[in-house]
Structure formats: C-alpha cells, structure tokens
C-alpha cells in the first residue's frame, strides 16, 4: 500500500524520511492532488539507469532502421509529418 501524505507532513521531515525505503516511496499531495514523490536513492538510480537503457535501445532501433531503409531528407520528412497531422484533423 503506497504511503500518501499531505505536503504539510514535511514539518516532521525526519519521520517522513524514515518511511522511505527501496520499493516504498512516499507520495506527497498538495491541495489534495498528487504532487511529489520521495524515493530511496538506490531506487532513483535504478529508475534512471532503466530510462537510459530504454533510450539507448530506441536509439539502436533507429540506427537499424536507417541502415535498413536509408535516410529521409528534411523536406520528405516534413511532408510525411504534415500528412500525419492532416489525418488527425479529418
């Protein structure tokens, strides 16, 4: 069960920080809306590493697509994008 606290709970920040553990972030609300998350540093580093891995995987996919299909010049790319935007408006 996630730990959800009001932002005002930070007045006793040491108690709030004691609640933060790997796999158990603390969520803070402001005016009844979710606003902030406090993560354990190891969990943050792990999330960041996973993000980098996904970005590099997407870059690798893009490189393979270019190697397979070739480059598209800027003019053709703009025409393709305009065509896609036109499809959404119809």
C-alpha atoms as a PDB file:
ATOM      1  CA  UNK A   1       0.000   0.000   0.000  1.00  0.00           C
ATOM      2  CA  UNK A   2       1.542   3.323  -1.030  1.00  0.00           C
ATOM      3  CA  UNK A   3       2.336   5.851   1.648  1.00  0.00           C
ATOM      4  CA  UNK A   4       0.482   9.074   0.783  1.00  0.00           C
ATOM      5  CA  UNK A   5       0.904  12.138   2.958  1.00  0.00           C
ATOM      6  CA  UNK A   6      -0.025  15.790   2.823  1.00  0.00           C
ATOM      7  CA  UNK A   7       2.801  18.141   1.983  1.00  0.00           C
ATOM      8  CA  UNK A   8       2.449  19.628   5.458  1.00  0.00           C
ATOM      9  CA  UNK A   9       3.781  16.318   6.831  1.00  0.00           C
ATOM     10  CA  UNK A  10       7.237  17.589   5.895  1.00  0.00           C
ATOM     11  CA  UNK A  11       7.164  19.713   9.034  1.00  0.00           C
ATOM     12  CA  UNK A  12       8.327  16.457  10.627  1.00  0.00           C
ATOM     13  CA  UNK A  13      10.589  15.582   7.727  1.00  0.00           C
ATOM     14  CA  UNK A  14      12.703  13.073   9.661  1.00  0.00           C
ATOM     15  CA  UNK A  15       9.589  10.979  10.347  1.00  0.00           C
ATOM     16  CA  UNK A  16       8.590  11.188   6.689  1.00  0.00           C
ATOM     17  CA  UNK A  17      12.083  10.194   5.542  1.00  0.00           C
ATOM     18  CA  UNK A  18      12.034   7.206   7.898  1.00  0.00           C
ATOM     19  CA  UNK A  19       9.092   5.909   5.832  1.00  0.00           C
ATOM     20  CA  UNK A  20      11.089   5.954   2.565  1.00  0.00           C
ATOM     21  CA  UNK A  21      12.568   2.569   1.697  1.00  0.00           C
ATOM     22  CA  UNK A  22      13.558   0.850  -1.557  1.00  0.00           C
ATOM     23  CA  UNK A  23      10.332  -0.110  -3.301  1.00  0.00           C
ATOM     24  CA  UNK A  24       8.315   2.044  -0.894  1.00  0.00           C
ATOM     25  CA  UNK A  25       8.358   5.692  -1.948  1.00  0.00           C
ATOM     26  CA  UNK A  26       6.390   8.332  -0.090  1.00  0.00           C
ATOM     27  CA  UNK A  27       3.895  10.333  -2.140  1.00  0.00           C
ATOM     28  CA  UNK A  28       3.108  13.900  -1.125  1.00  0.00           C
ATOM     29  CA  UNK A  29      -0.062  15.751  -2.022  1.00  0.00           C
ATOM     30  CA  UNK A  30      -0.652  19.467  -2.345  1.00  0.00           C
ATOM     31  CA  UNK A  31      -4.224  20.756  -2.197  1.00  0.00           C
ATOM     32  CA  UNK A  32      -5.452  17.165  -2.373  1.00  0.00           C
ATOM     33  CA  UNK A  33      -3.608  16.401  -5.623  1.00  0.00           C
ATOM     34  CA  UNK A  34      -0.576  14.144  -6.039  1.00  0.00           C
ATOM     35  CA  UNK A  35       2.433  16.411  -6.453  1.00  0.00           C
ATOM     36  CA  UNK A  36       5.741  14.933  -5.262  1.00  0.00           C
ATOM     37  CA  UNK A  37       7.452  11.594  -4.657  1.00  0.00           C
ATOM     38  CA  UNK A  38      10.324  10.902  -2.284  1.00  0.00           C
ATOM     39  CA  UNK A  39      12.382   7.906  -3.437  1.00  0.00           C
ATOM     40  CA  UNK A  40      15.204   5.956  -1.910  1.00  0.00           C
ATOM     41  CA  UNK A  41      18.423   6.968  -3.706  1.00  0.00           C
ATOM     42  CA  UNK A  42      19.155   3.405  -4.881  1.00  0.00           C
ATOM     43  CA  UNK A  43      15.666   3.158  -6.367  1.00  0.00           C
ATOM     44  CA  UNK A  44      16.077   6.535  -8.075  1.00  0.00           C
ATOM     45  CA  UNK A  45      19.411   5.444  -9.579  1.00  0.00           C
ATOM     46  CA  UNK A  46      17.819   2.206 -10.764  1.00  0.00           C
ATOM     47  CA  UNK A  47      14.924   4.056 -12.414  1.00  0.00           C
ATOM     48  CA  UNK A  48      17.338   6.482 -14.050  1.00  0.00           C
ATOM     49  CA  UNK A  49      19.503   3.608 -15.326  1.00  0.00           C
ATOM     50  CA  UNK A  50      16.426   1.888 -16.758  1.00  0.00           C
ATOM     51  CA  UNK A  51      15.446   5.081 -18.545  1.00  0.00           C
ATOM     52  CA  UNK A  52      18.895   5.368 -20.111  1.00  0.00           C
ATOM     53  CA  UNK A  53      18.756   1.717 -21.198  1.00  0.00           C
ATOM     54  CA  UNK A  54      15.369   2.260 -22.891  1.00  0.00           C
ATOM     55  CA  UNK A  55      16.620   5.410 -24.621  1.00  0.00           C
ATOM     56  CA  UNK A  56      19.708   3.625 -25.940  1.00  0.00           C
ATOM     57  CA  UNK A  57      17.547   0.709 -27.105  1.00  0.00           C
ATOM     58  CA  UNK A  58      15.328   3.158 -29.023  1.00  0.00           C
ATOM     59  CA  UNK A  59      18.422   4.788 -30.499  1.00  0.00           C
ATOM     60  CA  UNK A  60      19.715   1.368 -31.577  1.00  0.00           C
ATOM     61  CA  UNK A  61      16.333   0.638 -33.209  1.00  0.00           C
ATOM     62  CA  UNK A  62      16.552   3.955 -35.061  1.00  0.00           C
ATOM     63  CA  UNK A  63      20.072   3.232 -36.279  1.00  0.00           C
ATOM     64  CA  UNK A  64      18.975  -0.198 -37.541  1.00  0.00           C
ATOM     65  CA  UNK A  65      16.006   1.383 -39.361  1.00  0.00           C
ATOM     66  CA  UNK A  66      18.316   3.897 -41.059  1.00  0.00           C
ATOM     67  CA  UNK A  67      20.698   1.114 -42.036  1.00  0.00           C
ATOM     68  CA  UNK A  68      17.809  -0.889 -43.492  1.00  0.00           C
ATOM     69  CA  UNK A  69      15.707   1.818 -45.156  1.00  0.00           C
ATOM     70  CA  UNK A  70      18.086   4.745 -45.531  1.00  0.00           C
ATOM     71  CA  UNK A  71      17.744   8.364 -44.561  1.00  0.00           C
ATOM     72  CA  UNK A  72      14.784  10.595 -45.313  1.00  0.00           C
ATOM     73  CA  UNK A  73      15.642  14.176 -46.217  1.00  0.00           C
ATOM     74  CA  UNK A  74      14.108  17.038 -44.257  1.00  0.00           C
ATOM     75  CA  UNK A  75      11.649  18.016 -46.979  1.00  0.00           C
ATOM     76  CA  UNK A  76      10.250  14.497 -47.295  1.00  0.00           C
ATOM     77  CA  UNK A  77      10.052  14.126 -43.514  1.00  0.00           C
ATOM     78  CA  UNK A  78       8.068  17.365 -43.225  1.00  0.00           C
ATOM     79  CA  UNK A  79       5.684  16.191 -45.956  1.00  0.00           C
ATOM     80  CA  UNK A  80       5.179  12.878 -44.149  1.00  0.00           C
ATOM     81  CA  UNK A  81       4.543  14.655 -40.843  1.00  0.00           C
ATOM     82  CA  UNK A  82       2.145  17.105 -42.488  1.00  0.00           C
ATOM     83  CA  UNK A  83       0.284  14.137 -43.923  1.00  0.00           C
ATOM     84  CA  UNK A  84       0.005  12.581 -40.484  1.00  0.00           C
ATOM     85  CA  UNK A  85      -1.227  15.845 -38.973  1.00  0.00           C
ATOM     86  CA  UNK A  86      -3.778  16.150 -41.762  1.00  0.00           C
ATOM     87  CA  UNK A  87      -5.068  12.644 -40.975  1.00  0.00           C
ATOM     88  CA  UNK A  88      -5.758  13.655 -37.363  1.00  0.00           C
ATOM     89  CA  UNK A  89      -7.723  16.731 -38.394  1.00  0.00           C
ATOM     90  CA  UNK A  90     -10.054  14.846 -40.744  1.00  0.00           C
END
